[in-house]
Amino acid sequence: MGGGLRAFLPSALPAHETVYAMTVHKSQGSEFDSVTLVLPGVDLPVLTRELFYTGLTRAKGRLAVYADKEIFGRTLARRVKRNSGLAGRLYLGFKRTTQDLTPSGGKITTHNS
């Protein structure tokens, strides 16, 4: 009121769980009645659609997002890129295995039973 500080009894607050700040990663598996998601003022590669989705799904009721409009747009447009190389290694392993199992002609035949 009037822009100043006001004293109150903590017992006057409704039932709540105090959380000062929590990363989206740390919040996984948790749900809260109200969530405030604050994006940084600079664009970072970690700001992805998937990170935002994880943050917003922590809210059971109310979600407030504080973000620069441009950074928010880039966050929603950026997708996680998985560069583990696992798919390529699996493909090469499959290719080697099938080559080892094929007759010298290199053809694989299948029989339906």
PDB file of N, CA and C in Angstrom:
ATOM      1  N   MET A   1       0.831  -1.173   0.000  1.00  0.00           N
ATOM      2  CA  MET A   1       0.000   0.000   0.000  1.00  0.00           C
ATOM      3  C   MET A   1       0.882   1.244   0.000  1.00  0.00           C
ATOM      4  N   GLY A   2       0.707   2.049  -0.998  1.00  0.00           N
ATOM      5  CA  GLY A   2       1.496   3.261  -1.067  1.00  0.00           C
ATOM      6  C   GLY A   2       2.954   3.014  -1.416  1.00  0.00           C
ATOM      7  N   GLY A   3       3.316   1.820  -1.860  1.00  0.00           N
ATOM      8  CA  GLY A   3       4.682   1.521  -2.281  1.00  0.00           C
ATOM      9  C   GLY A   3       5.642   1.232  -1.145  1.00  0.00           C
ATOM     10  N   GLY A   4       5.187   1.258   0.105  1.00  0.00           N
ATOM     11  CA  GLY A   4       6.076   1.002   1.234  1.00  0.00           C
ATOM     12  C   GLY A   4       5.967  -0.428   1.726  1.00  0.00           C
ATOM     13  N   LEU A   5       6.712  -0.704   2.768  1.00  0.00           N
ATOM     14  CA  LEU A   5       6.667  -2.029   3.382  1.00  0.00           C
ATOM     15  C   LEU A   5       5.489  -2.107   4.339  1.00  0.00           C
ATOM     16  N   ARG A   6       4.974  -3.302   4.506  1.00  0.00           N
ATOM     17  CA  ARG A   6       3.846  -3.516   5.404  1.00  0.00           C
ATOM     18  C   ARG A   6       4.125  -4.764   6.244  1.00  0.00           C
ATOM     19  N   ALA A   7       3.923  -4.690   7.518  1.00  0.00           N
ATOM     20  CA  ALA A   7       4.152  -5.827   8.408  1.00  0.00           C
ATOM     21  C   ALA A   7       2.895  -6.698   8.448  1.00  0.00           C
ATOM     22  N   PHE A   8       3.091  -8.007   8.572  1.00  0.00           N
ATOM     23  CA  PHE A   8       1.973  -8.934   8.728  1.00  0.00           C
ATOM     24  C   PHE A   8       2.479 -10.171   9.448  1.00  0.00           C
ATOM     25  N   LEU A   9       1.567 -10.913  10.007  1.00  0.00           N
ATOM     26  CA  LEU A   9       1.917 -12.150  10.698  1.00  0.00           C
ATOM     27  C   LEU A   9       2.021 -13.289   9.679  1.00  0.00           C
ATOM     28  N   PRO A  10       3.092 -14.062   9.679  1.00  0.00           N
ATOM     29  CA  PRO A  10       3.201 -15.196   8.750  1.00  0.00           C
ATOM     30  C   PRO A  10       2.036 -16.171   8.883  1.00  0.00           C
ATOM     31  N   SER A  11       1.442 -16.267  10.066  1.00  0.00           N
ATOM     32  CA  SER A  11       0.304 -17.171  10.256  1.00  0.00           C
ATOM     33  C   SER A  11      -0.927 -16.705   9.470  1.00  0.00           C
ATOM     34  N   ALA A  12      -0.919 -15.461   8.985  1.00  0.00           N
ATOM     35  CA  ALA A  12      -2.033 -14.939   8.198  1.00  0.00           C
ATOM     36  C   ALA A  12      -1.986 -15.424   6.749  1.00  0.00           C
ATOM     37  N   LEU A  13      -0.862 -16.013   6.351  1.00  0.00           N
ATOM     38  CA  LEU A  13      -0.736 -16.526   4.981  1.00  0.00           C
ATOM     39  C   LEU A  13      -1.503 -17.830   4.830  1.00  0.00           C
ATOM     40  N   PRO A  14      -2.049 -18.088   3.644  1.00  0.00           N
ATOM     41  CA  PRO A  14      -2.685 -19.392   3.421  1.00  0.00           C
ATOM     42  C   PRO A  14      -1.627 -20.498   3.428  1.00  0.00           C
ATOM     43  N   ALA A  15      -2.070 -21.745   3.520  1.00  0.00           N
ATOM     44  CA  ALA A  15      -1.133 -22.879   3.500  1.00  0.00           C
ATOM     45  C   ALA A  15      -0.286 -22.798   2.242  1.00  0.00           C
ATOM     46  N   HIS A  16       1.010 -22.976   2.396  1.00  0.00           N
ATOM     47  CA  HIS A  16       1.910 -22.856   1.253  1.00  0.00           C
ATOM     48  C   HIS A  16       3.223 -23.581   1.544  1.00  0.00           C
ATOM     49  N   GLU A  17       3.973 -23.761   0.495  1.00  0.00           N
ATOM     50  CA  GLU A  17       5.327 -24.309   0.602  1.00  0.00           C
ATOM     51  C   GLU A  17       6.261 -23.247   0.062  1.00  0.00           C
ATOM     52  N   THR A  18       7.201 -22.830   0.870  1.00  0.00           N
ATOM     53  CA  THR A  18       8.108 -21.766   0.458  1.00  0.00           C
ATOM     54  C   THR A  18       9.201 -22.328  -0.444  1.00  0.00           C
ATOM     55  N   VAL A  19       9.322 -21.748  -1.613  1.00  0.00           N
ATOM     56  CA  VAL A  19      10.408 -22.075  -2.538  1.00  0.00           C
ATOM     57  C   VAL A  19      10.912 -20.746  -3.057  1.00  0.00           C
ATOM     58  N   TYR A  20      12.147 -20.454  -2.788  1.00  0.00           N
ATOM     59  CA  TYR A  20      12.682 -19.168  -3.231  1.00  0.00           C
ATOM     60  C   TYR A  20      13.059 -19.205  -4.698  1.00  0.00           C
ATOM     61  N   ALA A  21      13.718 -20.237  -5.116  1.00  0.00           N
ATOM     62  CA  ALA A  21      14.073 -20.403  -6.519  1.00  0.00           C
ATOM     63  C   ALA A  21      14.426 -21.861  -6.746  1.00  0.00           C
ATOM     64  N   MET A  22      14.010 -22.359  -7.895  1.00  0.00           N
ATOM     65  CA  MET A  22      14.289 -23.746  -8.234  1.00  0.00           C
ATOM     66  C   MET A  22      14.490 -23.804  -9.743  1.00  0.00           C
ATOM     67  N   THR A  23      15.485 -24.543 -10.180  1.00  0.00           N
ATOM     68  CA  THR A  23      15.680 -24.691 -11.619  1.00  0.00           C
ATOM     69  C   THR A  23      14.600 -25.606 -12.182  1.00  0.00           C
ATOM     70  N   VAL A  24      14.340 -25.463 -13.465  1.00  0.00           N
ATOM     71  CA  VAL A  24      13.370 -26.338 -14.121  1.00  0.00           C
ATOM     72  C   VAL A  24      13.824 -27.781 -13.989  1.00  0.00           C
ATOM     73  N   HIS A  25      15.121 -28.012 -14.174  1.00  0.00           N
ATOM     74  CA  HIS A  25      15.655 -29.374 -14.067  1.00  0.00           C
ATOM     75  C   HIS A  25      15.373 -29.955 -12.685  1.00  0.00           C
ATOM     76  N   LYS A  26      15.626 -29.176 -11.645  1.00  0.00           N
ATOM     77  CA  LYS A  26      15.429 -29.643 -10.273  1.00  0.00           C
ATOM     78  C   LYS A  26      13.944 -29.876  -9.964  1.00  0.00           C
ATOM     79  N   SER A  27      13.068 -29.154 -10.666  1.00  0.00           N
ATOM     80  CA  SER A  27      11.636 -29.252 -10.393  1.00  0.00           C
ATOM     81  C   SER A  27      10.975 -30.467 -11.029  1.00  0.00           C
ATOM     82  N   GLN A  28      11.680 -31.182 -11.888  1.00  0.00           N
ATOM     83  CA  GLN A  28      11.068 -32.329 -12.561  1.00  0.00           C
ATOM     84  C   GLN A  28      10.543 -33.320 -11.531  1.00  0.00           C
ATOM     85  N   GLY A  29       9.303 -33.752 -11.755  1.00  0.00           N
ATOM     86  CA  GLY A  29       8.669 -34.677 -10.840  1.00  0.00           C
ATOM     87  C   GLY A  29       7.865 -33.978  -9.759  1.00  0.00           C
ATOM     88  N   SER A  30       7.967 -32.649  -9.685  1.00  0.00           N
ATOM     89  CA  SER A  30       7.217 -31.881  -8.694  1.00  0.00           C
ATOM     90  C   SER A  30       6.059 -31.159  -9.361  1.00  0.00           C
ATOM     91  N   GLU A  31       5.043 -30.835  -8.572  1.00  0.00           N
ATOM     92  CA  GLU A  31       3.930 -30.016  -9.032  1.00  0.00           C
ATOM     93  C   GLU A  31       3.668 -28.941  -7.994  1.00  0.00           C
ATOM     94  N   PHE A  32       3.277 -27.768  -8.472  1.00  0.00           N
ATOM     95  CA  PHE A  32       2.977 -26.649  -7.593  1.00  0.00           C
ATOM     96  C   PHE A  32       1.674 -26.011  -8.058  1.00  0.00           C
ATOM     97  N   ASP A  33       0.914 -25.458  -7.127  1.00  0.00           N
ATOM     98  CA  ASP A  33      -0.328 -24.774  -7.490  1.00  0.00           C
ATOM     99  C   ASP A  33      -0.046 -23.594  -8.404  1.00  0.00           C
ATOM    100  N   SER A  34       1.027 -22.882  -8.130  1.00  0.00           N
ATOM    101  CA  SER A  34       1.374 -21.690  -8.883  1.00  0.00           C
ATOM    102  C   SER A  34       2.863 -21.719  -9.213  1.00  0.00           C
ATOM    103  N   VAL A  35       3.198 -21.418 -10.448  1.00  0.00           N
ATOM    104  CA  VAL A  35       4.597 -21.420 -10.892  1.00  0.00           C
ATOM    105  C   VAL A  35       4.894 -20.091 -11.574  1.00  0.00           C
ATOM    106  N   THR A  36       6.026 -19.520 -11.255  1.00  0.00           N
ATOM    107  CA  THR A  36       6.528 -18.346 -11.956  1.00  0.00           C
ATOM    108  C   THR A  36       7.805 -18.772 -12.662  1.00  0.00           C
ATOM    109  N   LEU A  37       7.798 -18.684 -13.978  1.00  0.00           N
ATOM    110  CA  LEU A  37       8.952 -19.094 -14.791  1.00  0.00           C
ATOM    111  C   LEU A  37       9.630 -17.824 -15.294  1.00  0.00           C
ATOM    112  N   VAL A  38      10.884 -17.636 -14.885  1.00  0.00           N
ATOM    113  CA  VAL A  38      11.637 -16.445 -15.256  1.00  0.00           C
ATOM    114  C   VAL A  38      12.758 -16.868 -16.204  1.00  0.00           C
ATOM    115  N   LEU A  39      12.699 -16.384 -17.439  1.00  0.00           N
ATOM    116  CA  LEU A  39      13.761 -16.657 -18.405  1.00  0.00           C
ATOM    117  C   LEU A  39      14.812 -15.563 -18.291  1.00  0.00           C
ATOM    118  N   PRO A  40      16.081 -15.896 -18.540  1.00  0.00           N
ATOM    119  CA  PRO A  40      17.132 -14.886 -18.433  1.00  0.00           C
ATOM    120  C   PRO A  40      16.985 -13.811 -19.509  1.00  0.00           C
ATOM    121  N   GLY A  41      17.652 -12.699 -19.299  1.00  0.00           N
ATOM    122  CA  GLY A  41      17.596 -11.584 -20.236  1.00  0.00           C
ATOM    123  C   GLY A  41      18.490 -11.740 -21.444  1.00  0.00           C
ATOM    124  N   VAL A  42      19.194 -12.858 -21.535  1.00  0.00           N
ATOM    125  CA  VAL A  42      20.052 -13.137 -22.696  1.00  0.00           C
ATOM    126  C   VAL A  42      19.657 -14.488 -23.280  1.00  0.00           C
ATOM    127  N   ASP A  43      19.818 -14.618 -24.586  1.00  0.00           N
ATOM    128  CA  ASP A  43      19.484 -15.875 -25.257  1.00  0.00           C
ATOM    129  C   ASP A  43      20.601 -16.889 -25.023  1.00  0.00           C
ATOM    130  N   LEU A  44      20.232 -18.078 -24.593  1.00  0.00           N
ATOM    131  CA  LEU A  44      21.193 -19.148 -24.328  1.00  0.00           C
ATOM    132  C   LEU A  44      20.749 -20.419 -25.025  1.00  0.00           C
ATOM    133  N   PRO A  45      21.683 -21.268 -25.473  1.00  0.00           N
ATOM    134  CA  PRO A  45      21.322 -22.515 -26.159  1.00  0.00           C
ATOM    135  C   PRO A  45      20.453 -23.450 -25.316  1.00  0.00           C
ATOM    136  N   VAL A  46      20.530 -23.360 -23.997  1.00  0.00           N
ATOM    137  CA  VAL A  46      19.749 -24.244 -23.119  1.00  0.00           C
ATOM    138  C   VAL A  46      18.268 -23.863 -23.107  1.00  0.00           C
ATOM    139  N   LEU A  47      17.935 -22.674 -23.583  1.00  0.00           N
ATOM    140  CA  LEU A  47      16.535 -22.239 -23.623  1.00  0.00           C
ATOM    141  C   LEU A  47      15.859 -22.879 -24.817  1.00  0.00           C
ATOM    142  N   THR A  48      15.149 -23.969 -24.552  1.00  0.00           N
ATOM    143  CA  THR A  48      14.506 -24.735 -25.621  1.00  0.00           C
ATOM    144  C   THR A  48      13.022 -24.897 -25.338  1.00  0.00           C
ATOM    145  N   ARG A  49      12.308 -25.298 -26.363  1.00  0.00           N
ATOM    146  CA  ARG A  49      10.879 -25.591 -26.234  1.00  0.00           C
ATOM    147  C   ARG A  49      10.646 -26.653 -25.153  1.00  0.00           C
ATOM    148  N   GLU A  50      11.502 -27.664 -25.128  1.00  0.00           N
ATOM    149  CA  GLU A  50      11.356 -28.758 -24.168  1.00  0.00           C
ATOM    150  C   GLU A  50      11.557 -28.275 -22.724  1.00  0.00           C
ATOM    151  N   LEU A  51      12.534 -27.382 -22.516  1.00  0.00           N
ATOM    152  CA  LEU A  51      12.762 -26.828 -21.183  1.00  0.00           C
ATOM    153  C   LEU A  51      11.542 -26.022 -20.741  1.00  0.00           C
ATOM    154  N   PHE A  52      11.004 -25.197 -21.633  1.00  0.00           N
ATOM    155  CA  PHE A  52       9.831 -24.403 -21.309  1.00  0.00           C
ATOM    156  C   PHE A  52       8.639 -25.311 -20.989  1.00  0.00           C
ATOM    157  N   TYR A  53       8.444 -26.337 -21.798  1.00  0.00           N
ATOM    158  CA  TYR A  53       7.334 -27.275 -21.578  1.00  0.00           C
ATOM    159  C   TYR A  53       7.454 -27.932 -20.193  1.00  0.00           C
ATOM    160  N   THR A  54       8.659 -28.347 -19.844  1.00  0.00           N
ATOM    161  CA  THR A  54       8.874 -28.962 -18.538  1.00  0.00           C
ATOM    162  C   THR A  54       8.521 -27.971 -17.435  1.00  0.00           C
ATOM    163  N   GLY A  55       8.918 -26.714 -17.589  1.00  0.00           N
ATOM    164  CA  GLY A  55       8.611 -25.700 -16.586  1.00  0.00           C
ATOM    165  C   GLY A  55       7.125 -25.440 -16.455  1.00  0.00           C
ATOM    166  N   LEU A  56       6.435 -25.315 -17.578  1.00  0.00           N
ATOM    167  CA  LEU A  56       5.004 -24.992 -17.500  1.00  0.00           C
ATOM    168  C   LEU A  56       4.180 -26.160 -16.987  1.00  0.00           C
ATOM    169  N   THR A  57       4.632 -27.376 -17.199  1.00  0.00           N
ATOM    170  CA  THR A  57       3.872 -28.533 -16.709  1.00  0.00           C
ATOM    171  C   THR A  57       4.071 -28.778 -15.211  1.00  0.00           C
ATOM    172  N   ARG A  58       4.895 -27.980 -14.548  1.00  0.00           N
ATOM    173  CA  ARG A  58       5.024 -28.070 -13.089  1.00  0.00           C
ATOM    174  C   ARG A  58       3.838 -27.378 -12.414  1.00  0.00           C
ATOM    175  N   ALA A  59       3.136 -26.520 -13.168  1.00  0.00           N
ATOM    176  CA  ALA A  59       2.032 -25.740 -12.597  1.00  0.00           C
ATOM    177  C   ALA A  59       0.726 -26.518 -12.679  1.00  0.00           C
ATOM    178  N   LYS A  60       0.073 -26.686 -11.527  1.00  0.00           N
ATOM    179  CA  LYS A  60      -1.244 -27.332 -11.514  1.00  0.00           C
ATOM    180  C   LYS A  60      -2.340 -26.318 -11.815  1.00  0.00           C
ATOM    181  N   GLY A  61      -2.109 -25.064 -11.485  1.00  0.00           N
ATOM    182  CA  GLY A  61      -3.166 -24.071 -11.645  1.00  0.00           C
ATOM    183  C   GLY A  61      -2.735 -22.821 -12.388  1.00  0.00           C
ATOM    184  N   ARG A  62      -1.790 -22.098 -11.844  1.00  0.00           N
ATOM    185  CA  ARG A  62      -1.417 -20.793 -12.362  1.00  0.00           C
ATOM    186  C   ARG A  62       0.031 -20.785 -12.831  1.00  0.00           C
ATOM    187  N   LEU A  63       0.251 -20.179 -14.002  1.00  0.00           N
ATOM    188  CA  LEU A  63       1.598 -20.026 -14.552  1.00  0.00           C
ATOM    189  C   LEU A  63       1.808 -18.567 -14.916  1.00  0.00           C
ATOM    190  N   ALA A  64       2.896 -17.993 -14.445  1.00  0.00           N
ATOM    191  CA  ALA A  64       3.304 -16.643 -14.845  1.00  0.00           C
ATOM    192  C   ALA A  64       4.672 -16.763 -15.497  1.00  0.00           C
ATOM    193  N   VAL A  65       4.828 -16.155 -16.661  1.00  0.00           N
ATOM    194  CA  VAL A  65       6.106 -16.203 -17.386  1.00  0.00           C
ATOM    195  C   VAL A  65       6.638 -14.780 -17.498  1.00  0.00           C
ATOM    196  N   TYR A  66       7.889 -14.603 -17.075  1.00  0.00           N
ATOM    197  CA  TYR A  66       8.569 -13.322 -17.209  1.00  0.00           C
ATOM    198  C   TYR A  66       9.738 -13.538 -18.154  1.00  0.00           C
ATOM    199  N   ALA A  67       9.647 -12.894 -19.335  1.00  0.00           N
ATOM    200  CA  ALA A  67      10.684 -13.086 -20.341  1.00  0.00           C
ATOM    201  C   ALA A  67      10.637 -11.953 -21.350  1.00  0.00           C
ATOM    202  N   ASP A  68      11.776 -11.659 -21.923  1.00  0.00           N
ATOM    203  CA  ASP A  68      11.835 -10.751 -23.052  1.00  0.00           C
ATOM    204  C   ASP A  68      11.093 -11.415 -24.215  1.00  0.00           C
ATOM    205  N   LYS A  69      10.287 -10.653 -24.925  1.00  0.00           N
ATOM    206  CA  LYS A  69       9.451 -11.210 -25.999  1.00  0.00           C
ATOM    207  C   LYS A  69      10.287 -11.944 -27.056  1.00  0.00           C
ATOM    208  N   GLU A  70      11.413 -11.367 -27.448  1.00  0.00           N
ATOM    209  CA  GLU A  70      12.264 -11.992 -28.474  1.00  0.00           C
ATOM    210  C   GLU A  70      12.907 -13.282 -27.954  1.00  0.00           C
ATOM    211  N   ILE A  71      13.396 -13.252 -26.738  1.00  0.00           N
ATOM    212  CA  ILE A  71      14.023 -14.448 -26.153  1.00  0.00           C
ATOM    213  C   ILE A  71      12.974 -15.536 -25.953  1.00  0.00           C
ATOM    214  N   PHE A  72      11.781 -15.156 -25.540  1.00  0.00           N
ATOM    215  CA  PHE A  72      10.696 -16.124 -25.380  1.00  0.00           C
ATOM    216  C   PHE A  72      10.376 -16.793 -26.718  1.00  0.00           C
ATOM    217  N   GLY A  73      10.297 -16.012 -27.788  1.00  0.00           N
ATOM    218  CA  GLY A  73      10.040 -16.563 -29.117  1.00  0.00           C
ATOM    219  C   GLY A  73      11.132 -17.519 -29.571  1.00  0.00           C
ATOM    220  N   ARG A  74      12.380 -17.148 -29.317  1.00  0.00           N
ATOM    221  CA  ARG A  74      13.503 -18.030 -29.685  1.00  0.00           C
ATOM    222  C   ARG A  74      13.479 -19.320 -28.868  1.00  0.00           C
ATOM    223  N   THR A  75      13.096 -19.205 -27.600  1.00  0.00           N
ATOM    224  CA  THR A  75      13.005 -20.387 -26.739  1.00  0.00           C
ATOM    225  C   THR A  75      11.997 -21.378 -27.301  1.00  0.00           C
ATOM    226  N   LEU A  76      10.831 -20.877 -27.705  1.00  0.00           N
ATOM    227  CA  LEU A  76       9.799 -21.762 -28.242  1.00  0.00           C
ATOM    228  C   LEU A  76      10.171 -22.340 -29.600  1.00  0.00           C
ATOM    229  N   ALA A  77      11.010 -21.639 -30.354  1.00  0.00           N
ATOM    230  CA  ALA A  77      11.403 -22.104 -31.684  1.00  0.00           C
ATOM    231  C   ALA A  77      12.563 -23.105 -31.644  1.00  0.00           C
ATOM    232  N   ARG A  78      13.348 -23.084 -30.566  1.00  0.00           N
ATOM    233  CA  ARG A  78      14.542 -23.935 -30.479  1.00  0.00           C
ATOM    234  C   ARG A  78      14.182 -25.300 -29.936  1.00  0.00           C
ATOM    235  N   ARG A  79      14.593 -26.346 -30.637  1.00  0.00           N
ATOM    236  CA  ARG A  79      14.361 -27.727 -30.198  1.00  0.00           C
ATOM    237  C   ARG A  79      15.665 -28.318 -29.671  1.00  0.00           C
ATOM    238  N   VAL A  80      15.546 -29.271 -28.795  1.00  0.00           N
ATOM    239  CA  VAL A  80      16.722 -29.981 -28.278  1.00  0.00           C
ATOM    240  C   VAL A  80      17.339 -30.778 -29.413  1.00  0.00           C
ATOM    241  N   LYS A  81      18.644 -30.705 -29.529  1.00  0.00           N
ATOM    242  CA  LYS A  81      19.364 -31.499 -30.530  1.00  0.00           C
ATOM    243  C   LYS A  81      20.157 -32.567 -29.790  1.00  0.00           C
ATOM    244  N   ARG A  82      19.908 -33.782 -30.120  1.00  0.00           N
ATOM    245  CA  ARG A  82      20.626 -34.901 -29.501  1.00  0.00           C
ATOM    246  C   ARG A  82      21.782 -35.287 -30.421  1.00  0.00           C
ATOM    247  N   ASN A  83      22.988 -35.167 -29.920  1.00  0.00           N
ATOM    248  CA  ASN A  83      24.165 -35.465 -30.726  1.00  0.00           C
ATOM    249  C   ASN A  83      25.025 -36.543 -30.075  1.00  0.00           C
ATOM    250  N   SER A  84      24.386 -37.578 -29.567  1.00  0.00           N
ATOM    251  CA  SER A  84      25.145 -38.615 -28.873  1.00  0.00           C
ATOM    252  C   SER A  84      25.868 -39.541 -29.844  1.00  0.00           C
ATOM    253  N   GLY A  85      25.384 -39.615 -31.086  1.00  0.00           N
ATOM    254  CA  GLY A  85      25.973 -40.530 -32.052  1.00  0.00           C
ATOM    255  C   GLY A  85      25.471 -41.950 -31.900  1.00  0.00           C
ATOM    256  N   LEU A  86      24.553 -42.186 -30.975  1.00  0.00           N
ATOM    257  CA  LEU A  86      24.061 -43.537 -30.711  1.00  0.00           C
ATOM    258  C   LEU A  86      23.382 -44.140 -31.936  1.00  0.00           C
ATOM    259  N   ALA A  87      22.550 -43.370 -32.629  1.00  0.00           N
ATOM    260  CA  ALA A  87      21.837 -43.908 -33.796  1.00  0.00           C
ATOM    261  C   ALA A  87      22.827 -44.396 -34.855  1.00  0.00           C
ATOM    262  N   GLY A  88      23.858 -43.623 -35.097  1.00  0.00           N
ATOM    263  CA  GLY A  88      24.871 -44.036 -36.079  1.00  0.00           C
ATOM    264  C   GLY A  88      25.602 -45.292 -35.657  1.00  0.00           C
ATOM    265  N   ARG A  89      25.955 -45.388 -34.380  1.00  0.00           N
ATOM    266  CA  ARG A  89      26.649 -46.580 -33.888  1.00  0.00           C
ATOM    267  C   ARG A  89      25.752 -47.809 -33.952  1.00  0.00           C
ATOM    268  N   LEU A  90      24.469 -47.630 -33.633  1.00  0.00           N
ATOM    269  CA  LEU A  90      23.537 -48.751 -33.730  1.00  0.00           C
ATOM    270  C   LEU A  90      23.396 -49.208 -35.172  1.00  0.00           C
ATOM    271  N   TYR A  91      23.300 -48.254 -36.097  1.00  0.00           N
ATOM    272  CA  TYR A  91      23.170 -48.595 -37.511  1.00  0.00           C
ATOM    273  C   TYR A  91      24.403 -49.342 -37.997  1.00  0.00           C
ATOM    274  N   LEU A  92      25.590 -48.856 -37.652  1.00  0.00           N
ATOM    275  CA  LEU A  92      26.821 -49.533 -38.085  1.00  0.00           C
ATOM    276  C   LEU A  92      26.918 -50.927 -37.479  1.00  0.00           C
ATOM    277  N   GLY A  93      26.514 -51.071 -36.213  1.00  0.00           N
ATOM    278  CA  GLY A  93      26.523 -52.395 -35.581  1.00  0.00           C
ATOM    279  C   GLY A  93      25.548 -53.330 -36.259  1.00  0.00           C
ATOM    280  N   PHE A  94      24.370 -52.851 -36.626  1.00  0.00           N
ATOM    281  CA  PHE A  94      23.383 -53.651 -37.341  1.00  0.00           C
ATOM    282  C   PHE A  94      23.918 -54.046 -38.703  1.00  0.00           C
ATOM    283  N   LYS A  95      24.534 -53.105 -39.396  1.00  0.00           N
ATOM    284  CA  LYS A  95      25.070 -53.363 -40.740  1.00  0.00           C
ATOM    285  C   LYS A  95      26.151 -54.447 -40.681  1.00  0.00           C
ATOM    286  N   ARG A  96      27.052 -54.341 -39.706  1.00  0.00           N
ATOM    287  CA  ARG A  96      28.112 -55.348 -39.565  1.00  0.00           C
ATOM    288  C   ARG A  96      27.526 -56.716 -39.238  1.00  0.00           C
ATOM    289  N   THR A  97      26.545 -56.756 -38.341  1.00  0.00           N
ATOM    290  CA  THR A  97      25.934 -58.023 -37.936  1.00  0.00           C
ATOM    291  C   THR A  97      25.245 -58.686 -39.119  1.00  0.00           C
ATOM    292  N   THR A  98      24.484 -57.928 -39.904  1.00  0.00           N
ATOM    293  CA  THR A  98      23.778 -58.522 -41.039  1.00  0.00           C
ATOM    294  C   THR A  98      24.752 -58.961 -42.114  1.00  0.00           C
ATOM    295  N   GLN A  99      25.853 -58.257 -42.284  1.00  0.00           N
ATOM    296  CA  GLN A  99      26.860 -58.673 -43.268  1.00  0.00           C
ATOM    297  C   GLN A  99      27.508 -59.978 -42.833  1.00  0.00           C
ATOM    298  N   ASP A 100      27.754 -60.115 -41.517  1.00  0.00           N
ATOM    299  CA  ASP A 100      28.361 -61.339 -41.006  1.00  0.00           C
ATOM    300  C   ASP A 100      27.431 -62.542 -41.161  1.00  0.00           C
ATOM    301  N   LEU A 101      26.119 -62.306 -41.138  1.00  0.00           N
ATOM    302  CA  LEU A 101      25.162 -63.395 -41.185  1.00  0.00           C
ATOM    303  C   LEU A 101      24.735 -63.770 -42.593  1.00  0.00           C
ATOM    304  N   THR A 102      25.053 -62.952 -43.569  1.00  0.00           N
ATOM    305  CA  THR A 102      24.580 -63.221 -44.926  1.00  0.00           C
ATOM    306  C   THR A 102      25.523 -64.176 -45.640  1.00  0.00           C
ATOM    307  N   PRO A 103      24.975 -64.943 -46.586  1.00  0.00           N
ATOM    308  CA  PRO A 103      25.844 -65.784 -47.397  1.00  0.00           C
ATOM    309  C   PRO A 103      26.765 -64.898 -48.227  1.00  0.00           C
ATOM    310  N   SER A 104      27.714 -65.485 -48.867  1.00  0.00           N
ATOM    311  CA  SER A 104      28.716 -64.720 -49.610  1.00  0.00           C
ATOM    312  C   SER A 104      28.107 -63.807 -50.664  1.00  0.00           C
ATOM    313  N   GLY A 105      26.885 -64.086 -51.112  1.00  0.00           N
ATOM    314  CA  GLY A 105      26.234 -63.223 -52.090  1.00  0.00           C
ATOM    315  C   GLY A 105      25.769 -61.912 -51.512  1.00  0.00           C
ATOM    316  N   GLY A 106      25.708 -61.805 -50.182  1.00  0.00           N
ATOM    317  CA  GLY A 106      25.328 -60.554 -49.555  1.00  0.00           C
ATOM    318  C   GLY A 106      23.831 -60.300 -49.499  1.00  0.00           C
ATOM    319  N   LYS A 107      22.995 -61.272 -49.916  1.00  0.00           N
ATOM    320  CA  LYS A 107      21.564 -61.070 -49.877  1.00  0.00           C
ATOM    321  C   LYS A 107      20.985 -61.684 -48.618  1.00  0.00           C
ATOM    322  N   ILE A 108      20.026 -61.005 -48.040  1.00  0.00           N
ATOM    323  CA  ILE A 108      19.342 -61.539 -46.880  1.00  0.00           C
ATOM    324  C   ILE A 108      17.973 -61.997 -47.335  1.00  0.00           C
ATOM    325  N   THR A 109      17.651 -63.231 -47.030  1.00  0.00           N
ATOM    326  CA  THR A 109      16.312 -63.731 -47.375  1.00  0.00           C
ATOM    327  C   THR A 109      15.552 -64.029 -46.113  1.00  0.00           C
ATOM    328  N   THR A 110      14.265 -63.763 -46.129  1.00  0.00           N
ATOM    329  CA  THR A 110      13.434 -64.047 -44.964  1.00  0.00           C
ATOM    330  C   THR A 110      12.369 -65.044 -45.375  1.00  0.00           C
ATOM    331  N   HIS A 111      11.957 -65.848 -44.446  1.00  0.00           N
ATOM    332  CA  HIS A 111      10.911 -66.843 -44.698  1.00  0.00           C
ATOM    333  C   HIS A 111       9.816 -66.646 -43.675  1.00  0.00           C
ATOM    334  N   ASN A 112       8.599 -66.550 -44.151  1.00  0.00           N
ATOM    335  CA  ASN A 112       7.443 -66.435 -43.241  1.00  0.00           C
ATOM    336  C   ASN A 112       6.974 -67.832 -42.876  1.00  0.00           C
ATOM    337  N   SER A 113       6.719 -68.061 -41.603  1.00  0.00           N
ATOM    338  CA  SER A 113       6.252 -69.393 -41.209  1.00  0.00           C
ATOM    339  C   SER A 113       4.798 -69.366 -40.869  1.00  0.00           C
TER     340      SER A 113
END
